[in-house]
């Protein structure tokens, strides 16, 4: 995927999250920190597929990364991801995420009546 992934937006409000695009398909994704569903005292990253216009697709389940980071570790982890996202995705621990990204269809349009997503 080297050269095929483009970080397209860092969080303009100074947050940790960012968006990226798979150039071959045009599919975009949003990376956001969240509490781990199984271990709420730890943090992980959730990767959401975006619909047209950059909205998180409410019909799709996010990919949830491995838990274990403290809040303080999130900033450095997100910076490392943004600096070399293709390299980060090459790690064996991210094989499932890579397969999910590779299977992504181009951005779909979300109907106006789409339900909002609630986090687990």
C-alpha atoms as a PDB file:
ATOM      1  CA  UNK A   1       0.000   0.000   0.000  1.00  0.00           C
ATOM      2  CA  UNK A   2       3.021   2.286   0.062  1.00  0.00           C
ATOM      3  CA  UNK A   3       2.211   5.414  -1.960  1.00  0.00           C
ATOM      4  CA  UNK A   4      -1.428   4.415  -2.174  1.00  0.00           C
ATOM      5  CA  UNK A   5      -2.442   5.928   1.152  1.00  0.00           C
ATOM      6  CA  UNK A   6      -2.740   9.638   1.768  1.00  0.00           C
ATOM      7  CA  UNK A   7      -3.323  11.275   5.131  1.00  0.00           C
ATOM      8  CA  UNK A   8      -5.844  13.902   4.103  1.00  0.00           C
ATOM      9  CA  UNK A   9      -6.734  15.697   7.306  1.00  0.00           C
ATOM     10  CA  UNK A  10      -5.338  16.038  10.753  1.00  0.00           C
ATOM     11  CA  UNK A  11      -7.942  16.987  13.322  1.00  0.00           C
ATOM     12  CA  UNK A  12      -8.307  20.765  12.837  1.00  0.00           C
ATOM     13  CA  UNK A  13      -9.314  21.235  16.464  1.00  0.00           C
ATOM     14  CA  UNK A  14      -5.958  19.952  17.684  1.00  0.00           C
ATOM     15  CA  UNK A  15      -7.255  16.480  18.511  1.00  0.00           C
ATOM     16  CA  UNK A  16      -5.524  13.169  18.032  1.00  0.00           C
ATOM     17  CA  UNK A  17      -7.652  11.760  15.206  1.00  0.00           C
ATOM     18  CA  UNK A  18      -7.055  12.045  11.471  1.00  0.00           C
ATOM     19  CA  UNK A  19      -8.506  10.965   8.122  1.00  0.00           C
ATOM     20  CA  UNK A  20      -6.826   9.065   5.309  1.00  0.00           C
ATOM     21  CA  UNK A  21      -7.699   7.920   1.810  1.00  0.00           C
ATOM     22  CA  UNK A  22      -6.917   4.806  -0.227  1.00  0.00           C
ATOM     23  CA  UNK A  23      -6.052   6.397  -3.575  1.00  0.00           C
ATOM     24  CA  UNK A  24      -6.895   3.345  -5.707  1.00  0.00           C
ATOM     25  CA  UNK A  25     -10.525   3.250  -4.565  1.00  0.00           C
ATOM     26  CA  UNK A  26     -11.080   6.723  -3.149  1.00  0.00           C
ATOM     27  CA  UNK A  27     -12.318   5.143   0.089  1.00  0.00           C
ATOM     28  CA  UNK A  28     -11.691   7.365   3.099  1.00  0.00           C
ATOM     29  CA  UNK A  29     -11.342   6.442   6.743  1.00  0.00           C
ATOM     30  CA  UNK A  30     -11.278   8.262  10.069  1.00  0.00           C
ATOM     31  CA  UNK A  31      -8.954   7.230  12.909  1.00  0.00           C
ATOM     32  CA  UNK A  32     -10.151   8.243  16.364  1.00  0.00           C
ATOM     33  CA  UNK A  33      -9.012   7.349  19.867  1.00  0.00           C
ATOM     34  CA  UNK A  34     -11.577   5.649  22.056  1.00  0.00           C
ATOM     35  CA  UNK A  35     -11.780   3.716  25.269  1.00  0.00           C
ATOM     36  CA  UNK A  36     -11.292   0.018  24.747  1.00  0.00           C
ATOM     37  CA  UNK A  37     -14.652  -1.790  24.880  1.00  0.00           C
ATOM     38  CA  UNK A  38     -13.185  -4.697  26.851  1.00  0.00           C
ATOM     39  CA  UNK A  39     -10.804  -2.711  29.052  1.00  0.00           C
ATOM     40  CA  UNK A  40     -12.248   0.791  29.570  1.00  0.00           C
ATOM     41  CA  UNK A  41      -9.276   2.034  31.569  1.00  0.00           C
ATOM     42  CA  UNK A  42      -7.164   1.652  28.420  1.00  0.00           C
ATOM     43  CA  UNK A  43      -7.381   3.356  25.045  1.00  0.00           C
ATOM     44  CA  UNK A  44      -7.168   2.148  21.465  1.00  0.00           C
ATOM     45  CA  UNK A  45      -7.851   3.499  17.994  1.00  0.00           C
ATOM     46  CA  UNK A  46     -11.085   2.948  16.127  1.00  0.00           C
ATOM     47  CA  UNK A  47     -10.961   3.179  12.338  1.00  0.00           C
ATOM     48  CA  UNK A  48     -14.231   4.176  10.709  1.00  0.00           C
ATOM     49  CA  UNK A  49     -15.071   3.918   7.023  1.00  0.00           C
ATOM     50  CA  UNK A  50     -16.394   7.258   5.778  1.00  0.00           C
ATOM     51  CA  UNK A  51     -19.247   7.879   3.395  1.00  0.00           C
ATOM     52  CA  UNK A  52     -19.261  10.563   0.713  1.00  0.00           C
ATOM     53  CA  UNK A  53     -18.644  13.999   2.175  1.00  0.00           C
ATOM     54  CA  UNK A  54     -16.413  12.645   4.926  1.00  0.00           C
ATOM     55  CA  UNK A  55     -19.170  11.548   7.299  1.00  0.00           C
ATOM     56  CA  UNK A  56     -18.581   8.362   9.286  1.00  0.00           C
ATOM     57  CA  UNK A  57     -20.674   5.638   7.646  1.00  0.00           C
ATOM     58  CA  UNK A  58     -23.337   4.788  10.260  1.00  0.00           C
ATOM     59  CA  UNK A  59     -24.096   1.461   8.553  1.00  0.00           C
ATOM     60  CA  UNK A  60     -20.599   0.057   8.875  1.00  0.00           C
ATOM     61  CA  UNK A  61     -18.869  -1.329  11.951  1.00  0.00           C
ATOM     62  CA  UNK A  62     -15.478   0.223  12.759  1.00  0.00           C
ATOM     63  CA  UNK A  63     -12.243  -1.696  13.053  1.00  0.00           C
ATOM     64  CA  UNK A  64     -11.153  -1.576  16.693  1.00  0.00           C
ATOM     65  CA  UNK A  65      -7.444  -1.748  17.445  1.00  0.00           C
ATOM     66  CA  UNK A  66      -5.782  -3.583  20.273  1.00  0.00           C
ATOM     67  CA  UNK A  67      -6.188  -1.968  23.670  1.00  0.00           C
ATOM     68  CA  UNK A  68      -3.458  -1.140  26.088  1.00  0.00           C
ATOM     69  CA  UNK A  69      -2.504   2.511  25.664  1.00  0.00           C
ATOM     70  CA  UNK A  70      -2.792   5.120  28.323  1.00  0.00           C
ATOM     71  CA  UNK A  71      -4.240   8.505  27.392  1.00  0.00           C
ATOM     72  CA  UNK A  72      -0.727   9.976  27.406  1.00  0.00           C
ATOM     73  CA  UNK A  73       0.505   7.371  24.894  1.00  0.00           C
ATOM     74  CA  UNK A  74      -2.209   8.213  22.335  1.00  0.00           C
ATOM     75  CA  UNK A  75      -0.570  11.403  21.065  1.00  0.00           C
ATOM     76  CA  UNK A  76       2.743   9.722  20.226  1.00  0.00           C
ATOM     77  CA  UNK A  77       1.002   6.690  18.716  1.00  0.00           C
ATOM     78  CA  UNK A  78      -1.178   8.857  16.447  1.00  0.00           C
ATOM     79  CA  UNK A  79       1.831  10.952  15.385  1.00  0.00           C
ATOM     80  CA  UNK A  80       3.749   7.784  14.459  1.00  0.00           C
ATOM     81  CA  UNK A  81       0.778   6.520  12.452  1.00  0.00           C
ATOM     82  CA  UNK A  82       0.394   9.810  10.565  1.00  0.00           C
ATOM     83  CA  UNK A  83       4.141  10.065   9.865  1.00  0.00           C
ATOM     84  CA  UNK A  84       4.317   6.663   8.133  1.00  0.00           C
ATOM     85  CA  UNK A  85       0.861   5.141   7.771  1.00  0.00           C
ATOM     86  CA  UNK A  86       1.916   2.601   5.086  1.00  0.00           C
ATOM     87  CA  UNK A  87       4.798   1.462   7.282  1.00  0.00           C
ATOM     88  CA  UNK A  88       2.547   1.237  10.333  1.00  0.00           C
ATOM     89  CA  UNK A  89       0.081  -0.876   8.345  1.00  0.00           C
ATOM     90  CA  UNK A  90       2.887  -3.236   7.279  1.00  0.00           C
ATOM     91  CA  UNK A  91       3.263  -4.478  10.868  1.00  0.00           C
ATOM     92  CA  UNK A  92       2.027  -8.078  11.274  1.00  0.00           C
ATOM     93  CA  UNK A  93      -0.297  -6.943  14.077  1.00  0.00           C
ATOM     94  CA  UNK A  94      -2.258  -4.866  11.554  1.00  0.00           C
ATOM     95  CA  UNK A  95      -2.855  -7.616   8.991  1.00  0.00           C
ATOM     96  CA  UNK A  96      -6.618  -7.718   9.688  1.00  0.00           C
ATOM     97  CA  UNK A  97      -6.890  -3.954   9.352  1.00  0.00           C
ATOM     98  CA  UNK A  98      -5.029  -4.039   6.026  1.00  0.00           C
ATOM     99  CA  UNK A  99      -7.403  -6.715   4.712  1.00  0.00           C
ATOM    100  CA  UNK A 100     -10.383  -4.602   5.805  1.00  0.00           C
ATOM    101  CA  UNK A 101      -8.945  -1.495   4.124  1.00  0.00           C
ATOM    102  CA  UNK A 102      -8.175  -3.436   0.938  1.00  0.00           C
ATOM    103  CA  UNK A 103     -11.778  -4.672   0.771  1.00  0.00           C
ATOM    104  CA  UNK A 104     -13.249  -1.187   1.083  1.00  0.00           C
ATOM    105  CA  UNK A 105     -15.495  -0.005  -1.705  1.00  0.00           C
ATOM    106  CA  UNK A 106     -15.414   3.630  -2.790  1.00  0.00           C
ATOM    107  CA  UNK A 107     -17.268   6.036  -0.535  1.00  0.00           C
ATOM    108  CA  UNK A 108     -21.001   5.495  -0.538  1.00  0.00           C
ATOM    109  CA  UNK A 109     -23.613   8.170  -0.070  1.00  0.00           C
ATOM    110  CA  UNK A 110     -25.351   8.024   3.287  1.00  0.00           C
ATOM    111  CA  UNK A 111     -29.112   8.593   3.068  1.00  0.00           C
ATOM    112  CA  UNK A 112     -30.418  11.598   4.983  1.00  0.00           C
ATOM    113  CA  UNK A 113     -32.462   9.285   7.203  1.00  0.00           C
ATOM    114  CA  UNK A 114     -29.461   7.177   8.242  1.00  0.00           C
ATOM    115  CA  UNK A 115     -29.410   6.403  11.956  1.00  0.00           C
ATOM    116  CA  UNK A 116     -26.605   7.795  14.071  1.00  0.00           C
ATOM    117  CA  UNK A 117     -24.020   5.391  15.423  1.00  0.00           C
ATOM    118  CA  UNK A 118     -23.618   4.771  19.097  1.00  0.00           C
ATOM    119  CA  UNK A 119     -20.318   3.582  20.468  1.00  0.00           C
ATOM    120  CA  UNK A 120     -20.046   0.398  22.415  1.00  0.00           C
END
